[in-house]
């Protein structure tokens, strides 16, 4: 799913993410979810890989990466989230 919710209204985005989560649970699926929206990544992803220019710069659990980023690019992404938006 490449930027599957990027152009959606927040309420529609939440509905789509709920449906994706429901399908994943019911069918025991793994989904590759690509997004620049760290709040969505936090909600949907158990594991995260951060890429920069096609190279993996960091990987791990989503919680660990968002709480304690190890790579400068990951820190830059987290710092770029507008105030009030939860990453």
Protein backbone atom coordinates (compact mmCIF):
# COMPACT_ATOMS: atom_id res chain seq x y z
CA UNK A 1 0.00 0.00 0.00
CA UNK A 2 1.85 3.04 -1.27
CA UNK A 3 0.60 6.26 0.34
CA UNK A 4 -2.87 4.69 0.47
CA UNK A 5 -4.33 7.36 2.73
CA UNK A 6 -2.31 10.45 1.80
CA UNK A 7 -5.05 12.31 -0.11
CA UNK A 8 -7.91 11.38 2.20
CA UNK A 9 -9.83 13.44 4.74
CA UNK A 10 -8.82 12.49 8.30
CA UNK A 11 -12.16 10.78 9.05
CA UNK A 12 -12.08 8.78 5.80
CA UNK A 13 -8.43 7.96 6.46
CA UNK A 14 -9.39 6.50 9.86
CA UNK A 15 -12.10 4.38 8.25
CA UNK A 16 -9.68 3.01 5.63
CA UNK A 17 -7.10 2.20 8.31
CA UNK A 18 -9.77 0.42 10.38
CA UNK A 19 -10.75 -1.71 7.37
CA UNK A 20 -7.10 -2.54 6.63
CA UNK A 21 -6.54 -3.55 10.26
CA UNK A 22 -9.68 -5.69 10.25
CA UNK A 23 -8.66 -7.49 7.04
CA UNK A 24 -5.13 -8.05 8.34
CA UNK A 25 -6.44 -9.64 11.53
CA UNK A 26 -9.13 -11.74 9.86
CA UNK A 27 -6.84 -13.10 7.16
CA UNK A 28 -3.55 -13.10 9.09
CA UNK A 29 -1.93 -10.88 6.47
CA UNK A 30 1.23 -8.85 6.42
CA UNK A 31 0.97 -5.56 4.56
CA UNK A 32 3.78 -3.41 3.21
CA UNK A 33 2.61 0.10 4.02
CA UNK A 34 4.52 3.04 2.55
CA UNK A 35 3.90 6.47 4.04
CA UNK A 36 5.48 9.77 4.99
CA UNK A 37 2.77 10.30 7.61
CA UNK A 38 4.35 9.16 10.86
CA UNK A 39 1.05 9.28 12.76
CA UNK A 40 -0.37 6.77 10.29
CA UNK A 41 2.79 4.65 10.52
CA UNK A 42 2.46 4.59 14.32
CA UNK A 43 -1.17 3.48 14.06
CA UNK A 44 -0.76 0.81 11.38
CA UNK A 45 2.76 -0.60 11.55
CA UNK A 46 4.35 -2.94 14.08
CA UNK A 47 7.74 -2.76 12.36
CA UNK A 48 9.21 0.14 10.45
CA UNK A 49 11.99 0.59 7.94
CA UNK A 50 13.19 4.13 7.28
CA UNK A 51 14.64 4.70 3.83
CA UNK A 52 16.51 7.64 2.40
CA UNK A 53 17.32 7.80 -1.30
CA UNK A 54 16.59 4.09 -1.69
CA UNK A 55 18.85 3.02 1.19
CA UNK A 56 17.68 1.62 4.52
CA UNK A 57 18.96 3.87 7.29
CA UNK A 58 17.06 2.41 10.22
CA UNK A 59 14.78 -0.52 11.04
CA UNK A 60 13.06 -1.86 14.10
CA UNK A 61 9.79 -1.77 15.96
CA UNK A 62 7.75 1.30 15.13
CA UNK A 63 7.55 2.28 18.78
CA UNK A 64 11.33 2.06 19.28
CA UNK A 65 12.10 4.04 16.15
CA UNK A 66 9.61 6.80 16.88
CA UNK A 67 10.56 7.05 20.57
CA UNK A 68 14.33 6.83 20.13
CA UNK A 69 15.48 7.37 16.53
CA UNK A 70 19.10 6.40 15.96
CA UNK A 71 19.76 7.85 12.51
CA UNK A 72 19.91 11.61 11.84
CA UNK A 73 17.47 11.28 8.91
CA UNK A 74 14.91 9.52 11.12
CA UNK A 75 15.28 12.30 13.71
CA UNK A 76 14.78 14.86 10.93
CA UNK A 77 11.56 13.13 9.82
CA UNK A 78 10.21 13.06 13.37
CA UNK A 79 11.21 16.68 13.99
CA UNK A 80 9.41 17.75 10.81
CA UNK A 81 6.01 16.65 12.14
CA UNK A 82 3.99 19.84 12.79
CA UNK A 83 3.38 20.79 16.41
CA UNK A 84 0.15 19.22 17.62
CA UNK A 85 0.34 16.28 15.20
CA UNK A 86 1.26 13.06 16.94
CA UNK A 87 4.05 10.99 15.36
